């Protein structure tokens, strides 16, 4: 049975978690997002395809651009700026997905509907 298509919001949250923790794996994705194994694997593949994480080694992949390079807790300004950039990316992706859905919608109103 094939996994359901990966939703942009799932991929975005997984990307945030992967960058925050500097790694990702299907098991971590299952825990983070509360999805099944097949869906977690599909999300992991999406992270690799988008270049968020490198190719997995022994099931775990390192984040290409982790948020905290040193794993130390950053200052408030640094943390807020990073989160702002990530949230803006979420919004941009969601707007692009909405635009694609609207463009692909071939549903026309019936002439009788008023």
C-alpha atoms as a PDB file:
ATOM      1  CA  UNK A   1       0.000   0.000   0.000  1.00  0.00           C
ATOM      2  CA  UNK A   2       1.444   3.352  -1.019  1.00  0.00           C
ATOM      3  CA  UNK A   3       1.794   6.171   1.468  1.00  0.00           C
ATOM      4  CA  UNK A   4      -0.466   9.161   1.138  1.00  0.00           C
ATOM      5  CA  UNK A   5       1.079  12.091  -0.704  1.00  0.00           C
ATOM      6  CA  UNK A   6       3.263  14.226   1.506  1.00  0.00           C
ATOM      7  CA  UNK A   7       1.584  17.503   2.397  1.00  0.00           C
ATOM      8  CA  UNK A   8       3.636  20.693   2.303  1.00  0.00           C
ATOM      9  CA  UNK A   9       2.912  21.377   5.970  1.00  0.00           C
ATOM     10  CA  UNK A  10       4.270  17.946   6.965  1.00  0.00           C
ATOM     11  CA  UNK A  11       7.414  18.535   4.952  1.00  0.00           C
ATOM     12  CA  UNK A  12       7.853  22.020   6.394  1.00  0.00           C
ATOM     13  CA  UNK A  13       7.463  20.856   9.992  1.00  0.00           C
ATOM     14  CA  UNK A  14       9.826  17.951   9.387  1.00  0.00           C
ATOM     15  CA  UNK A  15      12.341  20.379   7.852  1.00  0.00           C
ATOM     16  CA  UNK A  16      12.100  22.617  10.926  1.00  0.00           C
ATOM     17  CA  UNK A  17      12.606  19.662  13.281  1.00  0.00           C
ATOM     18  CA  UNK A  18      15.479  18.281  11.179  1.00  0.00           C
ATOM     19  CA  UNK A  19      17.248  21.639  11.104  1.00  0.00           C
ATOM     20  CA  UNK A  20      16.653  22.181  14.830  1.00  0.00           C
ATOM     21  CA  UNK A  21      17.966  18.747  15.782  1.00  0.00           C
ATOM     22  CA  UNK A  22      20.612  18.709  13.005  1.00  0.00           C
ATOM     23  CA  UNK A  23      19.404  15.279  11.864  1.00  0.00           C
ATOM     24  CA  UNK A  24      16.398  13.292  10.724  1.00  0.00           C
ATOM     25  CA  UNK A  25      15.320   9.699  10.335  1.00  0.00           C
ATOM     26  CA  UNK A  26      12.010   8.010   9.568  1.00  0.00           C
ATOM     27  CA  UNK A  27      11.726   6.999  13.249  1.00  0.00           C
ATOM     28  CA  UNK A  28      12.240  10.604  14.395  1.00  0.00           C
ATOM     29  CA  UNK A  29       9.757  11.868  11.801  1.00  0.00           C
ATOM     30  CA  UNK A  30       7.180   9.370  13.069  1.00  0.00           C
ATOM     31  CA  UNK A  31       7.663  10.706  16.568  1.00  0.00           C
ATOM     32  CA  UNK A  32       7.703  14.385  15.548  1.00  0.00           C
ATOM     33  CA  UNK A  33       4.669  14.279  13.254  1.00  0.00           C
ATOM     34  CA  UNK A  34       2.703  11.338  14.607  1.00  0.00           C
ATOM     35  CA  UNK A  35       2.549   9.572  11.239  1.00  0.00           C
ATOM     36  CA  UNK A  36       2.952   5.934  10.256  1.00  0.00           C
ATOM     37  CA  UNK A  37       6.161   4.327   8.961  1.00  0.00           C
ATOM     38  CA  UNK A  38       5.270   4.602   5.265  1.00  0.00           C
ATOM     39  CA  UNK A  39       4.328   8.281   5.583  1.00  0.00           C
ATOM     40  CA  UNK A  40       7.485   8.981   7.614  1.00  0.00           C
ATOM     41  CA  UNK A  41       9.601   7.393   4.877  1.00  0.00           C
ATOM     42  CA  UNK A  42       7.836   9.514   2.246  1.00  0.00           C
ATOM     43  CA  UNK A  43       8.503  12.671   4.298  1.00  0.00           C
ATOM     44  CA  UNK A  44      12.148  11.626   4.733  1.00  0.00           C
ATOM     45  CA  UNK A  45      12.455  11.189   0.961  1.00  0.00           C
ATOM     46  CA  UNK A  46      10.978  14.660   0.525  1.00  0.00           C
ATOM     47  CA  UNK A  47      13.570  16.125   2.899  1.00  0.00           C
ATOM     48  CA  UNK A  48      16.370  14.491   0.911  1.00  0.00           C
ATOM     49  CA  UNK A  49      14.874  15.670  -2.419  1.00  0.00           C
ATOM     50  CA  UNK A  50      14.614  19.258  -1.142  1.00  0.00           C
ATOM     51  CA  UNK A  51      18.189  19.209   0.139  1.00  0.00           C
ATOM     52  CA  UNK A  52      17.174  19.704   3.777  1.00  0.00           C
ATOM     53  CA  UNK A  53      19.122  16.600   4.811  1.00  0.00           C
ATOM     54  CA  UNK A  54      21.841  14.636   3.083  1.00  0.00           C
ATOM     55  CA  UNK A  55      21.583  11.019   2.023  1.00  0.00           C
ATOM     56  CA  UNK A  56      20.822   8.819   5.042  1.00  0.00           C
ATOM     57  CA  UNK A  57      23.584   6.678   6.515  1.00  0.00           C
ATOM     58  CA  UNK A  58      22.293   3.807   8.653  1.00  0.00           C
ATOM     59  CA  UNK A  59      18.810   5.380   8.535  1.00  0.00           C
ATOM     60  CA  UNK A  60      19.778   8.806   9.869  1.00  0.00           C
ATOM     61  CA  UNK A  61      20.602  11.857   7.765  1.00  0.00           C
ATOM     62  CA  UNK A  62      22.400  15.005   8.846  1.00  0.00           C
ATOM     63  CA  UNK A  63      20.761  18.372   8.220  1.00  0.00           C
ATOM     64  CA  UNK A  64      22.494  20.314   5.452  1.00  0.00           C
ATOM     65  CA  UNK A  65      21.943  23.665   7.188  1.00  0.00           C
ATOM     66  CA  UNK A  66      21.223  23.046  10.876  1.00  0.00           C
ATOM     67  CA  UNK A  67      19.794  26.048  12.691  1.00  0.00           C
ATOM     68  CA  UNK A  68      22.290  25.861  15.535  1.00  0.00           C
ATOM     69  CA  UNK A  69      25.733  25.017  14.162  1.00  0.00           C
ATOM     70  CA  UNK A  70      27.289  24.565  17.584  1.00  0.00           C
ATOM     71  CA  UNK A  71      24.188  23.029  19.205  1.00  0.00           C
ATOM     72  CA  UNK A  72      24.515  25.750  21.847  1.00  0.00           C
ATOM     73  CA  UNK A  73      21.444  27.752  22.752  1.00  0.00           C
ATOM     74  CA  UNK A  74      21.611  30.962  20.740  1.00  0.00           C
ATOM     75  CA  UNK A  75      20.825  34.437  21.953  1.00  0.00           C
ATOM     76  CA  UNK A  76      17.218  35.583  21.713  1.00  0.00           C
ATOM     77  CA  UNK A  77      17.777  37.819  18.680  1.00  0.00           C
ATOM     78  CA  UNK A  78      19.458  35.024  16.729  1.00  0.00           C
ATOM     79  CA  UNK A  79      16.725  32.530  17.633  1.00  0.00           C
ATOM     80  CA  UNK A  80      13.906  34.945  16.736  1.00  0.00           C
ATOM     81  CA  UNK A  81      15.521  35.815  13.394  1.00  0.00           C
ATOM     82  CA  UNK A  82      15.956  32.130  12.498  1.00  0.00           C
ATOM     83  CA  UNK A  83      12.377  31.268  13.443  1.00  0.00           C
ATOM     84  CA  UNK A  84      11.087  34.273  11.477  1.00  0.00           C
ATOM     85  CA  UNK A  85      12.937  33.076   8.360  1.00  0.00           C
ATOM     86  CA  UNK A  86      11.531  29.579   8.753  1.00  0.00           C
ATOM     87  CA  UNK A  87       7.947  30.766   9.300  1.00  0.00           C
ATOM     88  CA  UNK A  88       8.177  33.057   6.272  1.00  0.00           C
ATOM     89  CA  UNK A  89       9.248  29.992   4.265  1.00  0.00           C
ATOM     90  CA  UNK A  90       6.215  28.072   5.582  1.00  0.00           C
ATOM     91  CA  UNK A  91       3.886  30.881   4.530  1.00  0.00           C
ATOM     92  CA  UNK A  92       5.521  31.189   1.107  1.00  0.00           C
ATOM     93  CA  UNK A  93       5.209  27.409   0.523  1.00  0.00           C
ATOM     94  CA  UNK A  94       1.569  27.406   1.650  1.00  0.00           C
ATOM     95  CA  UNK A  95       0.703  30.296  -0.669  1.00  0.00           C
ATOM     96  CA  UNK A  96       2.431  28.560  -3.584  1.00  0.00           C
ATOM     97  CA  UNK A  97       0.536  25.329  -2.835  1.00  0.00           C
ATOM     98  CA  UNK A  98      -2.765  27.241  -2.696  1.00  0.00           C
ATOM     99  CA  UNK A  99      -1.996  28.932  -6.012  1.00  0.00           C
ATOM    100  CA  UNK A 100      -1.200  25.550  -7.612  1.00  0.00           C
ATOM    101  CA  UNK A 101      -4.476  24.120  -6.335  1.00  0.00           C
ATOM    102  CA  UNK A 102      -6.430  27.075  -7.701  1.00  0.00           C
ATOM    103  CA  UNK A 103      -4.687  26.860 -11.081  1.00  0.00           C
ATOM    104  CA  UNK A 104      -5.314  23.137 -11.279  1.00  0.00           C
ATOM    105  CA  UNK A 105      -8.975  23.448 -10.336  1.00  0.00           C
ATOM    106  CA  UNK A 106     -10.904  22.749 -13.532  1.00  0.00           C
ATOM    107  CA  UNK A 107     -14.194  22.711 -11.682  1.00  0.00           C
ATOM    108  CA  UNK A 108     -16.499  25.177 -13.396  1.00  0.00           C
ATOM    109  CA  UNK A 109     -19.736  26.404 -11.946  1.00  0.00           C
ATOM    110  CA  UNK A 110     -22.829  25.036 -13.609  1.00  0.00           C
ATOM    111  CA  UNK A 111     -24.838  27.566 -15.656  1.00  0.00           C
ATOM    112  CA  UNK A 112     -27.912  26.859 -13.482  1.00  0.00           C
ATOM    113  CA  UNK A 113     -26.180  27.888 -10.253  1.00  0.00           C
ATOM    114  CA  UNK A 114     -27.049  31.437  -9.204  1.00  0.00           C
END
